[in-house]
C-alpha atoms as a PDB file:
ATOM      1  CA  MET A   1     -13.117  13.665  -1.554  1.00  0.00           C
ATOM      2  CA  GLN A   2     -10.806  10.984  -2.612  1.00  0.00           C
ATOM      3  CA  GLN A   3     -12.222   7.653  -2.647  1.00  0.00           C
ATOM      4  CA  HIS A   4      -9.826   4.854  -2.185  1.00  0.00           C
ATOM      5  CA  HIS A   5      -8.953   1.428  -0.667  1.00  0.00           C
ATOM      6  CA  GLY A   6     -11.296   0.361   2.062  1.00  0.00           C
ATOM      7  CA  ILE A   7     -10.273  -3.383   2.315  1.00  0.00           C
ATOM      8  CA  SER A   8      -7.311  -5.528   2.622  1.00  0.00           C
ATOM      9  CA  ALA A   9      -8.351  -9.002   3.398  1.00  0.00           C
ATOM     10  CA  ARG A  10     -11.361 -11.125   3.689  1.00  0.00           C
ATOM     11  CA  ALA A  11     -11.695 -14.815   4.383  1.00  0.00           C
ATOM     12  CA  PRO A  12      -7.693 -14.853   5.010  1.00  0.00           C
ATOM     13  CA  ARG A  13      -5.804 -18.034   4.844  1.00  0.00           C
ATOM     14  CA  ARG A  14      -3.686 -18.972   7.854  1.00  0.00           C
ATOM     15  CA  LEU A  15       0.015 -19.506   7.278  1.00  0.00           C
ATOM     16  CA  ALA A  16       1.723 -22.695   8.026  1.00  0.00           C
ATOM     17  CA  ALA A  17       3.543 -22.528  11.236  1.00  0.00           C
ATOM     18  CA  GLY A  18       7.253 -22.056  11.264  1.00  0.00           C
ATOM     19  CA  ALA A  19       7.926 -19.147   9.160  1.00  0.00           C
ATOM     20  CA  LEU A  20      11.151 -19.131   7.288  1.00  0.00           C
ATOM     21  CA  VAL A  21      14.032 -17.004   8.243  1.00  0.00           C
ATOM     22  CA  TRP A  22      15.422 -14.880   5.749  1.00  0.00           C
ATOM     23  CA  ALA A  23      18.696 -12.845   6.280  1.00  0.00           C
ATOM     24  CA  LEU A  24      19.143  -9.279   4.787  1.00  0.00           C
ATOM     25  CA  ALA A  25      22.490 -10.426   3.509  1.00  0.00           C
ATOM     26  CA  THR A  26      20.657 -12.235   0.684  1.00  0.00           C
ATOM     27  CA  LEU A  27      19.824  -8.744  -0.966  1.00  0.00           C
ATOM     28  CA  ALA A  28      22.027  -7.181  -3.444  1.00  0.00           C
ATOM     29  CA  PRO A  29      24.873  -5.098  -1.889  1.00  0.00           C
ATOM     30  CA  GLY A  30      23.674  -1.615  -1.002  1.00  0.00           C
ATOM     31  CA  ALA A  31      19.999  -2.575  -1.041  1.00  0.00           C
ATOM     32  CA  ALA A  32      19.355  -1.396   2.579  1.00  0.00           C
ATOM     33  CA  VAL A  33      21.050   1.680   2.008  1.00  0.00           C
ATOM     34  CA  ALA A  34      18.654   2.679  -0.684  1.00  0.00           C
ATOM     35  CA  ALA A  35      15.849   3.031   1.437  1.00  0.00           C
ATOM     36  CA  ASN A  36      17.710   5.787   3.461  1.00  0.00           C
ATOM     37  CA  GLN A  37      18.365   8.004   0.627  1.00  0.00           C
ATOM     38  CA  GLY A  38      16.744  11.293   0.488  1.00  0.00           C
ATOM     39  CA  SER A  39      15.597  13.648   3.178  1.00  0.00           C
ATOM     40  CA  GLY A  40      12.429  11.796   4.332  1.00  0.00           C
ATOM     41  CA  PHE A  41       8.846  11.409   3.119  1.00  0.00           C
ATOM     42  CA  TYR A  42       6.461  14.056   1.854  1.00  0.00           C
ATOM     43  CA  VAL A  43       3.615  15.080   3.965  1.00  0.00           C
ATOM     44  CA  ASP A  44       0.449  15.399   1.798  1.00  0.00           C
ATOM     45  CA  PRO A  45      -1.081  18.856   2.600  1.00  0.00           C
ATOM     46  CA  ASN A  46      -4.435  17.675   1.037  1.00  0.00           C
ATOM     47  CA  SER A  47      -4.935  14.269   2.570  1.00  0.00           C
ATOM     48  CA  ASN A  48      -8.266  13.704   3.848  1.00  0.00           C
ATOM     49  CA  PRO A  49      -7.397  14.145   7.484  1.00  0.00           C
ATOM     50  CA  ALA A  50      -5.569  17.348   6.597  1.00  0.00           C
ATOM     51  CA  ILE A  51      -8.646  18.629   4.835  1.00  0.00           C
ATOM     52  CA  TRP A  52     -10.888  17.804   7.708  1.00  0.00           C
ATOM     53  CA  VAL A  53      -8.654  19.830  10.132  1.00  0.00           C
ATOM     54  CA  ARG A  54      -8.570  22.766   7.674  1.00  0.00           C
ATOM     55  CA  ASP A  55     -12.246  22.589   7.556  1.00  0.00           C
ATOM     56  CA  HIS A  56     -13.045  22.099  11.308  1.00  0.00           C
ATOM     57  CA  PRO A  57     -10.851  24.424  13.157  1.00  0.00           C
ATOM     58  CA  ALA A  58     -13.122  24.971  15.966  1.00  0.00           C
ATOM     59  CA  ASP A  59     -13.786  21.077  16.485  1.00  0.00           C
ATOM     60  CA  ALA A  60     -12.334  19.984  19.759  1.00  0.00           C
ATOM     61  CA  ARG A  61     -10.628  16.881  18.019  1.00  0.00           C
ATOM     62  CA  ALA A  62      -8.874  19.071  15.408  1.00  0.00           C
ATOM     63  CA  SER A  63      -5.738  19.574  17.403  1.00  0.00           C
ATOM     64  CA  LYS A  64      -5.300  15.768  18.165  1.00  0.00           C
ATOM     65  CA  ILE A  65      -5.953  14.748  14.614  1.00  0.00           C
ATOM     66  CA  ARG A  66      -3.642  17.354  13.259  1.00  0.00           C
ATOM     67  CA  ASN A  67      -0.833  16.330  15.469  1.00  0.00           C
ATOM     68  CA  ALA A  68      -1.242  12.534  15.328  1.00  0.00           C
ATOM     69  CA  ILE A  69      -2.291  12.137  11.817  1.00  0.00           C
ATOM     70  CA  ALA A  70      -2.538  14.965   9.413  1.00  0.00           C
ATOM     71  CA  THR A  71       1.152  16.135   9.835  1.00  0.00           C
ATOM     72  CA  LYS A  72       2.599  12.697   9.044  1.00  0.00           C
ATOM     73  CA  PRO A  73       3.746  11.245   5.795  1.00  0.00           C
ATOM     74  CA  MET A  74       1.169   8.888   4.224  1.00  0.00           C
ATOM     75  CA  GLY A  75       0.210   7.438   0.981  1.00  0.00           C
ATOM     76  CA  ARG A  76      -1.717   9.342  -1.693  1.00  0.00           C
ATOM     77  CA  TRP A  77      -4.139   6.851  -3.542  1.00  0.00           C
ATOM     78  CA  PHE A  78      -4.691   7.179  -7.222  1.00  0.00           C
ATOM     79  CA  GLY A  79      -7.483   5.550  -9.014  1.00  0.00           C
ATOM     80  CA  ASN A  80     -10.485   6.407 -11.280  1.00  0.00           C
ATOM     81  CA  TRP A  81     -11.421   9.313  -9.052  1.00  0.00           C
ATOM     82  CA  SER A  82      -8.114  11.057  -9.858  1.00  0.00           C
ATOM     83  CA  GLY A  83      -9.030  12.612 -13.137  1.00  0.00           C
ATOM     84  CA  ASN A  84      -6.093  13.067 -15.708  1.00  0.00           C
ATOM     85  CA  ILE A  85      -3.931  10.708 -13.992  1.00  0.00           C
ATOM     86  CA  GLY A  86      -0.630  11.952 -15.591  1.00  0.00           C
ATOM     87  CA  THR A  87      -1.424  15.356 -14.465  1.00  0.00           C
ATOM     88  CA  ALA A  88      -2.627  14.356 -11.075  1.00  0.00           C
ATOM     89  CA  VAL A  89       0.575  12.311 -10.466  1.00  0.00           C
ATOM     90  CA  ALA A  90       2.997  14.890 -11.952  1.00  0.00           C
ATOM     91  CA  THR A  91       1.338  17.771  -9.772  1.00  0.00           C
ATOM     92  CA  TYR A  92       1.955  15.633  -6.548  1.00  0.00           C
ATOM     93  CA  VAL A  93       5.373  14.427  -7.262  1.00  0.00           C
ATOM     94  CA  ASP A  94       6.199  17.942  -8.274  1.00  0.00           C
ATOM     95  CA  ALA A  95       5.252  19.394  -5.068  1.00  0.00           C
ATOM     96  CA  ALA A  96       7.157  16.689  -3.301  1.00  0.00           C
ATOM     97  CA  ARG A  97      10.331  17.519  -5.202  1.00  0.00           C
ATOM     98  CA  ALA A  98       9.935  21.155  -4.457  1.00  0.00           C
ATOM     99  CA  ALA A  99       9.880  20.179  -0.837  1.00  0.00           C
ATOM    100  CA  ASP A 100      12.937  17.921  -1.329  1.00  0.00           C
ATOM    101  CA  LYS A 101      10.898  14.947   0.093  1.00  0.00           C
ATOM    102  CA  ARG A 102       9.882  11.513  -1.403  1.00  0.00           C
ATOM    103  CA  PRO A 103       6.253  11.133  -1.971  1.00  0.00           C
ATOM    104  CA  ILE A 104       4.405   7.814  -1.296  1.00  0.00           C
ATOM    105  CA  LEU A 105       1.994   6.907  -4.222  1.00  0.00           C
ATOM    106  CA  VAL A 106      -0.553   4.033  -4.410  1.00  0.00           C
ATOM    107  CA  ALA A 107      -1.842   2.807  -7.761  1.00  0.00           C
ATOM    108  CA  TYR A 108      -5.264   1.463  -7.346  1.00  0.00           C
ATOM    109  CA  ASN A 109      -7.187   0.930 -10.605  1.00  0.00           C
ATOM    110  CA  ILE A 110      -6.886  -2.611 -11.726  1.00  0.00           C
ATOM    111  CA  PRO A 111      -9.966  -3.969 -13.530  1.00  0.00           C
ATOM    112  CA  GLY A 112     -12.241  -5.784 -11.208  1.00  0.00           C
ATOM    113  CA  ARG A 113     -10.730  -4.161  -8.332  1.00  0.00           C
ATOM    114  CA  ASP A 114     -11.615  -5.569  -4.754  1.00  0.00           C
ATOM    115  CA  CYS A 115     -13.575  -8.282  -6.269  1.00  0.00           C
ATOM    116  CA  GLY A 116     -16.458  -5.756  -6.527  1.00  0.00           C
ATOM    117  CA  SER A 117     -16.576  -5.354  -2.837  1.00  0.00           C
ATOM    118  CA  HIS A 118     -16.558  -2.131  -0.846  1.00  0.00           C
ATOM    119  CA  SER A 119     -13.790  -0.600  -2.960  1.00  0.00           C
ATOM    120  CA  GLY A 120     -14.947  -2.168  -6.387  1.00  0.00           C
ATOM    121  CA  GLY A 121     -14.247  -0.393  -9.551  1.00  0.00           C
ATOM    122  CA  GLY A 122     -11.195   0.053 -11.529  1.00  0.00           C
ATOM    123  CA  ALA A 123     -10.444   0.649 -15.141  1.00  0.00           C
ATOM    124  CA  GLY A 124     -13.112  -0.435 -17.614  1.00  0.00           C
ATOM    125  CA  SER A 125     -10.984  -2.720 -19.661  1.00  0.00           C
ATOM    126  CA  PRO A 126      -7.324  -3.942 -19.982  1.00  0.00           C
ATOM    127  CA  GLU A 127      -6.592  -1.430 -22.694  1.00  0.00           C
ATOM    128  CA  ALA A 128      -7.876   1.403 -20.500  1.00  0.00           C
ATOM    129  CA  TYR A 129      -5.815   0.264 -17.715  1.00  0.00           C
ATOM    130  CA  ARG A 130      -2.541  -0.044 -19.736  1.00  0.00           C
ATOM    131  CA  THR A 131      -3.149   3.580 -20.890  1.00  0.00           C
ATOM    132  CA  TRP A 132      -3.843   4.756 -17.275  1.00  0.00           C
ATOM    133  CA  ILE A 133      -0.754   3.059 -15.774  1.00  0.00           C
ATOM    134  CA  SER A 134       1.486   4.350 -18.374  1.00  0.00           C
ATOM    135  CA  SER A 135       0.373   7.823 -17.835  1.00  0.00           C
ATOM    136  CA  PHE A 136       0.698   7.225 -14.122  1.00  0.00           C
ATOM    137  CA  ALA A 137       4.533   6.331 -14.555  1.00  0.00           C
ATOM    138  CA  SER A 138       5.044   8.996 -16.893  1.00  0.00           C
ATOM    139  CA  GLY A 139       3.623  11.457 -14.515  1.00  0.00           C
ATOM    140  CA  ILE A 140       6.459  10.532 -12.053  1.00  0.00           C
ATOM    141  CA  GLY A 141       9.162  10.604 -14.702  1.00  0.00           C
ATOM    142  CA  ASP A 142      12.513  11.137 -13.274  1.00  0.00           C
ATOM    143  CA  ARG A 143      11.568  12.236 -10.022  1.00  0.00           C
ATOM    144  CA  ARG A 144      11.990  10.330  -6.760  1.00  0.00           C
ATOM    145  CA  ALA A 145       8.991   8.397  -5.440  1.00  0.00           C
ATOM    146  CA  VAL A 146       7.721   5.148  -3.486  1.00  0.00           C
ATOM    147  CA  VAL A 147       4.915   3.498  -5.578  1.00  0.00           C
ATOM    148  CA  VAL A 148       2.806   0.599  -4.273  1.00  0.00           C
ATOM    149  CA  ILE A 149       1.320  -1.190  -7.243  1.00  0.00           C
ATOM    150  CA  GLU A 150      -2.245  -2.274  -6.987  1.00  0.00           C
ATOM    151  CA  PRO A 151      -3.147  -3.418  -3.390  1.00  0.00           C
ATOM    152  CA  ASP A 152      -4.752  -6.971  -3.069  1.00  0.00           C
ATOM    153  CA  ALA A 153      -4.448  -7.558  -6.847  1.00  0.00           C
ATOM    154  CA  LEU A 154      -2.422 -10.674  -6.388  1.00  0.00           C
ATOM    155  CA  ALA A 155      -3.968 -11.919  -3.199  1.00  0.00           C
ATOM    156  CA  GLN A 156      -7.580 -11.607  -4.638  1.00  0.00           C
ATOM    157  CA  LEU A 157      -6.652 -13.710  -7.899  1.00  0.00           C
ATOM    158  CA  ASP A 158      -8.918 -16.481  -6.351  1.00  0.00           C
ATOM    159  CA  CYS A 159     -11.835 -14.447  -6.966  1.00  0.00           C
ATOM    160  CA  LEU A 160     -11.339 -14.340 -10.670  1.00  0.00           C
ATOM    161  CA  ALA A 161     -11.994 -16.887 -13.495  1.00  0.00           C
ATOM    162  CA  ALA A 162      -8.952 -18.461 -14.960  1.00  0.00           C
ATOM    163  CA  ASP A 163      -8.917 -16.359 -18.085  1.00  0.00           C
ATOM    164  CA  GLN A 164      -9.232 -13.187 -15.908  1.00  0.00           C
ATOM    165  CA  ARG A 165      -6.303 -14.211 -13.690  1.00  0.00           C
ATOM    166  CA  SER A 166      -4.090 -14.497 -16.561  1.00  0.00           C
ATOM    167  CA  ILE A 167      -5.058 -11.028 -17.719  1.00  0.00           C
ATOM    168  CA  ARG A 168      -4.615  -9.575 -14.384  1.00  0.00           C
ATOM    169  CA  ILE A 169      -1.069 -11.072 -14.063  1.00  0.00           C
ATOM    170  CA  GLY A 170      -0.297  -9.733 -17.665  1.00  0.00           C
ATOM    171  CA  LEU A 171      -1.533  -6.165 -16.500  1.00  0.00           C
ATOM    172  CA  LEU A 172       0.673  -6.252 -13.412  1.00  0.00           C
ATOM    173  CA  GLN A 173       3.810  -7.377 -15.526  1.00  0.00           C
ATOM    174  CA  TYR A 174       3.041  -4.363 -17.739  1.00  0.00           C
ATOM    175  CA  ALA A 175       2.749  -2.074 -14.892  1.00  0.00           C
ATOM    176  CA  ALA A 176       6.040  -3.198 -13.499  1.00  0.00           C
ATOM    177  CA  ARG A 177       7.761  -2.676 -16.882  1.00  0.00           C
ATOM    178  CA  GLU A 178       6.082   0.630 -17.447  1.00  0.00           C
ATOM    179  CA  PHE A 179       7.093   2.063 -14.235  1.00  0.00           C
ATOM    180  CA  LYS A 180      10.600   0.781 -14.416  1.00  0.00           C
ATOM    181  CA  LEU A 181      10.871   2.329 -18.040  1.00  0.00           C
ATOM    182  CA  ARG A 182       9.133   5.687 -17.371  1.00  0.00           C
ATOM    183  CA  ALA A 183       9.912   6.204 -13.672  1.00  0.00           C
ATOM    184  CA  PRO A 184      13.557   5.073 -13.373  1.00  0.00           C
ATOM    185  CA  ASN A 185      14.222   6.755  -9.889  1.00  0.00           C
ATOM    186  CA  ALA A 186      10.981   5.248  -8.439  1.00  0.00           C
ATOM    187  CA  GLN A 187      11.050   2.583  -5.595  1.00  0.00           C
ATOM    188  CA  LEU A 188       8.437   0.118  -7.063  1.00  0.00           C
ATOM    189  CA  TYR A 189       6.554  -2.612  -4.875  1.00  0.00           C
ATOM    190  CA  HIS A 190       3.975  -5.033  -6.003  1.00  0.00           C
ATOM    191  CA  ASP A 191       1.433  -5.918  -3.306  1.00  0.00           C
ATOM    192  CA  GLY A 192       2.151  -9.136  -1.355  1.00  0.00           C
ATOM    193  CA  GLY A 193      -1.150  -9.373   0.850  1.00  0.00           C
ATOM    194  CA  ASN A 194      -0.635  -9.850   4.547  1.00  0.00           C
ATOM    195  CA  ALA A 195       0.493 -12.240   7.097  1.00  0.00           C
ATOM    196  CA  THR A 196      -2.507 -14.486   7.377  1.00  0.00           C
ATOM    197  CA  TRP A 197      -3.955 -14.384   3.783  1.00  0.00           C
ATOM    198  CA  ILE A 198      -1.988 -16.367   1.238  1.00  0.00           C
ATOM    199  CA  GLY A 199       0.931 -18.923   2.071  1.00  0.00           C
ATOM    200  CA  ALA A 200       4.338 -17.665   1.547  1.00  0.00           C
ATOM    201  CA  ASP A 201       5.192 -20.081  -1.125  1.00  0.00           C
ATOM    202  CA  GLU A 202       2.266 -19.359  -3.202  1.00  0.00           C
ATOM    203  CA  MET A 203       2.568 -15.529  -2.857  1.00  0.00           C
ATOM    204  CA  ALA A 204       6.114 -15.838  -4.072  1.00  0.00           C
ATOM    205  CA  ARG A 205       4.869 -17.625  -7.180  1.00  0.00           C
ATOM    206  CA  ARG A 206       2.317 -14.781  -7.694  1.00  0.00           C
ATOM    207  CA  LEU A 207       4.961 -12.129  -7.068  1.00  0.00           C
ATOM    208  CA  ASN A 208       7.192 -13.803  -9.451  1.00  0.00           C
ATOM    209  CA  SER A 209       4.619 -14.149 -12.117  1.00  0.00           C
ATOM    210  CA  ALA A 210       3.716 -10.590 -11.742  1.00  0.00           C
ATOM    211  CA  GLY A 211       7.314  -9.432 -12.522  1.00  0.00           C
ATOM    212  CA  VAL A 212       8.738  -8.630  -9.046  1.00  0.00           C
ATOM    213  CA  ARG A 213      12.093  -9.592 -10.279  1.00  0.00           C
ATOM    214  CA  ASP A 214      12.492  -6.550 -12.180  1.00  0.00           C
ATOM    215  CA  ILE A 215      11.152  -3.944  -9.335  1.00  0.00           C
ATOM    216  CA  ARG A 216      12.315  -3.026  -5.910  1.00  0.00           C
ATOM    217  CA  GLY A 217      10.184  -5.634  -4.096  1.00  0.00           C
ATOM    218  CA  PHE A 218       6.729  -6.211  -2.414  1.00  0.00           C
ATOM    219  CA  ALA A 219       4.524  -4.528   0.117  1.00  0.00           C
ATOM    220  CA  LEU A 220       2.708  -6.046   3.052  1.00  0.00           C
ATOM    221  CA  ASN A 221      -0.228  -5.518   5.348  1.00  0.00           C
ATOM    222  CA  VAL A 222      -1.587  -2.551   3.206  1.00  0.00           C
ATOM    223  CA  SER A 223      -4.884  -1.225   5.005  1.00  0.00           C
ATOM    224  CA  ASN A 224      -4.657  -4.205   7.447  1.00  0.00           C
ATOM    225  CA  TYR A 225      -3.741  -4.369  11.138  1.00  0.00           C
ATOM    226  CA  HIS A 226      -0.984  -7.207  11.436  1.00  0.00           C
ATOM    227  CA  THR A 227       1.892  -6.372  13.823  1.00  0.00           C
ATOM    228  CA  THR A 228       5.132  -5.274  12.257  1.00  0.00           C
ATOM    229  CA  ALA A 229       6.757  -8.369  13.984  1.00  0.00           C
ATOM    230  CA  ALA A 230       4.253 -10.781  12.235  1.00  0.00           C
ATOM    231  CA  SER A 231       4.674  -8.951   8.823  1.00  0.00           C
ATOM    232  CA  ASN A 232       8.448  -9.085   9.004  1.00  0.00           C
ATOM    233  CA  SER A 233       8.221 -12.857   9.595  1.00  0.00           C
ATOM    234  CA  TYR A 234       5.834 -13.298   6.575  1.00  0.00           C
ATOM    235  CA  GLY A 235       7.996 -11.066   4.400  1.00  0.00           C
ATOM    236  CA  ALA A 236      10.939 -12.885   5.342  1.00  0.00           C
ATOM    237  CA  ALA A 237       9.349 -16.244   4.465  1.00  0.00           C
ATOM    238  CA  VAL A 238       8.123 -14.734   0.995  1.00  0.00           C
ATOM    239  CA  ALA A 239      11.532 -13.549   0.242  1.00  0.00           C
ATOM    240  CA  ALA A 240      13.192 -16.958   1.238  1.00  0.00           C
ATOM    241  CA  SER A 241      10.566 -18.688  -1.019  1.00  0.00           C
ATOM    242  CA  LEU A 242      11.363 -16.458  -3.927  1.00  0.00           C
ATOM    243  CA  ASN A 243      15.095 -17.235  -3.464  1.00  0.00           C
ATOM    244  CA  ARG A 244      14.324 -20.949  -3.194  1.00  0.00           C
ATOM    245  CA  GLN A 245      12.062 -21.207  -6.114  1.00  0.00           C
ATOM    246  CA  PHE A 246      13.368 -18.609  -8.512  1.00  0.00           C
ATOM    247  CA  GLY A 247      16.833 -17.646  -7.420  1.00  0.00           C
ATOM    248  CA  TYR A 248      16.476 -14.205  -6.081  1.00  0.00           C
ATOM    249  CA  ALA A 249      15.177 -12.574  -3.049  1.00  0.00           C
ATOM    250  CA  LYS A 250      13.483  -9.030  -2.595  1.00  0.00           C
ATOM    251  CA  PRO A 251      13.073  -6.443   0.089  1.00  0.00           C
ATOM    252  CA  PHE A 252       9.755  -5.604   1.409  1.00  0.00           C
ATOM    253  CA  VAL A 253       7.783  -2.615   3.026  1.00  0.00           C
ATOM    254  CA  VAL A 254       5.037  -2.850   5.740  1.00  0.00           C
ATOM    255  CA  ASP A 255       1.923  -0.683   6.046  1.00  0.00           C
ATOM    256  CA  THR A 256       2.108   0.417   9.802  1.00  0.00           C
ATOM    257  CA  SER A 257      -0.655   2.980   9.498  1.00  0.00           C
ATOM    258  CA  ARG A 258      -3.104   1.009  11.906  1.00  0.00           C
ATOM    259  CA  ASN A 259      -1.069  -1.741  13.336  1.00  0.00           C
ATOM    260  CA  GLY A 260      -0.203  -0.412  16.723  1.00  0.00           C
ATOM    261  CA  ASN A 261      -2.478  -2.915  18.517  1.00  0.00           C
ATOM    262  CA  GLY A 262      -2.114  -5.719  16.109  1.00  0.00           C
ATOM    263  CA  SER A 263      -5.035  -7.451  14.380  1.00  0.00           C
ATOM    264  CA  ASN A 264      -8.178  -9.015  16.103  1.00  0.00           C
ATOM    265  CA  GLY A 265      -8.909 -11.064  12.871  1.00  0.00           C
ATOM    266  CA  GLU A 266     -11.370  -8.392  11.614  1.00  0.00           C
ATOM    267  CA  TRP A 267     -10.638  -6.419   8.484  1.00  0.00           C
ATOM    268  CA  CYS A 268     -13.322  -3.842   8.081  1.00  0.00           C
ATOM    269  CA  ASN A 269     -13.214  -1.021  10.658  1.00  0.00           C
ATOM    270  CA  PRO A 270     -12.505  -3.199  13.780  1.00  0.00           C
ATOM    271  CA  ALA A 271     -12.694  -1.511  17.013  1.00  0.00           C
ATOM    272  CA  GLY A 272      -9.566  -1.445  19.280  1.00  0.00           C
ATOM    273  CA  ARG A 273      -7.008  -0.731  16.687  1.00  0.00           C
ATOM    274  CA  LYS A 274      -4.365   1.989  17.001  1.00  0.00           C
ATOM    275  CA  LEU A 275      -1.873   4.071  14.746  1.00  0.00           C
ATOM    276  CA  GLY A 276       1.417   2.374  14.256  1.00  0.00           C
ATOM    277  CA  VAL A 277       4.886   4.002  13.959  1.00  0.00           C
ATOM    278  CA  SER A 278       4.940   6.774  11.340  1.00  0.00           C
ATOM    279  CA  SER A 279       6.644   6.437   8.003  1.00  0.00           C
ATOM    280  CA  GLN A 280      10.229   5.744   8.405  1.00  0.00           C
ATOM    281  CA  ALA A 281      13.110   3.792   7.058  1.00  0.00           C
ATOM    282  CA  SER A 282      13.805   0.478   8.957  1.00  0.00           C
ATOM    283  CA  THR A 283      17.149  -1.358   9.926  1.00  0.00           C
ATOM    284  CA  SER A 284      15.631  -4.902  10.380  1.00  0.00           C
ATOM    285  CA  GLY A 285      12.951  -6.830   8.643  1.00  0.00           C
ATOM    286  CA  ALA A 286      11.103  -4.453   6.347  1.00  0.00           C
ATOM    287  CA  GLU A 287      13.161  -1.840   4.628  1.00  0.00           C
ATOM    288  CA  MET A 288      10.516   0.726   5.238  1.00  0.00           C
ATOM    289  CA  LEU A 289       7.607   1.219   7.656  1.00  0.00           C
ATOM    290  CA  LEU A 290       4.940   3.250   5.768  1.00  0.00           C
ATOM    291  CA  TRP A 291       1.728   4.557   6.423  1.00  0.00           C
ATOM    292  CA  LEU A 292      -0.074   3.488   3.184  1.00  0.00           C
ATOM    293  CA  LYS A 293      -3.655   3.436   4.390  1.00  0.00           C
ATOM    294  CA  VAL A 294      -4.888   6.873   5.401  1.00  0.00           C
ATOM    295  CA  PRO A 295      -5.723   6.707   9.084  1.00  0.00           C
ATOM    296  CA  GLY A 296      -9.314   7.626   9.681  1.00  0.00           C
ATOM    297  CA  ASP A 297     -10.498   6.654   6.278  1.00  0.00           C
ATOM    298  CA  SER A 298     -13.246   4.035   6.255  1.00  0.00           C
ATOM    299  CA  ASP A 299     -12.837   0.481   5.112  1.00  0.00           C
ATOM    300  CA  GLY A 300     -16.502   0.469   4.080  1.00  0.00           C
ATOM    301  CA  GLN A 301     -19.925   0.476   5.544  1.00  0.00           C
ATOM    302  CA  CYS A 302     -19.035  -1.893   8.257  1.00  0.00           C
ATOM    303  CA  GLY A 303     -17.639  -2.432  11.716  1.00  0.00           C
ATOM    304  CA  ILE A 304     -17.580   0.674  13.841  1.00  0.00           C
ATOM    305  CA  ALA A 305     -18.346   2.881  10.850  1.00  0.00           C
ATOM    306  CA  PRO A 306     -21.499   1.063   9.408  1.00  0.00           C
ATOM    307  CA  ASN A 307     -22.617   4.347   7.592  1.00  0.00           C
ATOM    308  CA  THR A 308     -19.242   5.381   6.176  1.00  0.00           C
ATOM    309  CA  PRO A 309     -18.394   4.465   2.627  1.00  0.00           C
ATOM    310  CA  ALA A 310     -15.067   3.183   1.717  1.00  0.00           C
ATOM    311  CA  GLY A 311     -12.323   5.819   1.552  1.00  0.00           C
ATOM    312  CA  THR A 312     -14.402   8.576   3.384  1.00  0.00           C
ATOM    313  CA  PHE A 313     -12.700  10.099   6.399  1.00  0.00           C
ATOM    314  CA  THR A 314     -14.428  10.482   9.722  1.00  0.00           C
ATOM    315  CA  PRO A 315     -12.969  12.123  12.900  1.00  0.00           C
ATOM    316  CA  GLU A 316     -14.366   9.471  14.955  1.00  0.00           C
ATOM    317  CA  LEU A 317     -12.477   6.740  13.351  1.00  0.00           C
ATOM    318  CA  ALA A 318      -9.310   8.839  13.377  1.00  0.00           C
ATOM    319  CA  VAL A 319      -9.667   9.564  17.320  1.00  0.00           C
ATOM    320  CA  ARG A 320     -10.150   5.867  18.054  1.00  0.00           C
ATOM    321  CA  LEU A 321      -6.877   5.186  16.295  1.00  0.00           C
ATOM    322  CA  ILE A 322      -5.166   7.792  18.122  1.00  0.00           C
ATOM    323  CA  ASP A 323      -6.533   6.401  21.413  1.00  0.00           C
ATOM    324  CA  GLY A 324      -6.644   2.784  20.685  1.00  0.00           C
ATOM    325  CA  TRP A 325     -10.361   1.879  21.536  1.00  0.00           C
END
């Protein structure tokens, strides 16, 4: 069973009122077109919900989960559970290429991951991480892919000591360089937190320090619940701040896997959430709306799934997301 990201934001910081407006025209010519290239996103046949449906054909919930979740394109998360990372990534992107689809991948193995909380872990040393991320990028090679790099790594800098912050920034810079070098046809996004966590100006500074200038852009709302509208406003503010502070703007993508009812302020298996629109290119705000978190996978032993570890799928969570209760 894959074990992956269970948490996106704790003790979030509120944004200042009056988010900045950023026009798509500030992007380089053709930037919006690139997101529409290809023939759609790859559906992971071995996602946690797909495996559950296959293993429980007689369950009354199987058809609903199959139709609403398991047959939709979503992110495949890679971390210390993935075995040989180069082989795991290559196998996955090979399957996507054979289907003429773009796979969505999430790299989640930064040392000190999740500040040691529900999804704690990660590579055992900076050296081990550099080896791991280089192999990840090499596994993609010249194939098409969408890659989100290390959810929460920038937003959670505050939990690290000063020397560890600089090490993490260096590792994210290294990841950006390696992906750009070894996976030249991948669309690469650093993680930029969510709409109520880190102020836009500060997130722009963190993204710039991590090398976002040299990759496609940034990802928002990963594993969280904020509406697409709120995420678009925040993304526009971050992009405008990048432009104001550093002279360039970047596009962004939004995780819509569980944002259909917006956020109630809780981050860990809150009740009353709902699936958002499935993975697709977007013509306004975000350049892509993506299911990055796997719907039905627990955020941790908390909320409405107090006995379900992070990254473990349960049909109860899935059905509640489908029905919105």
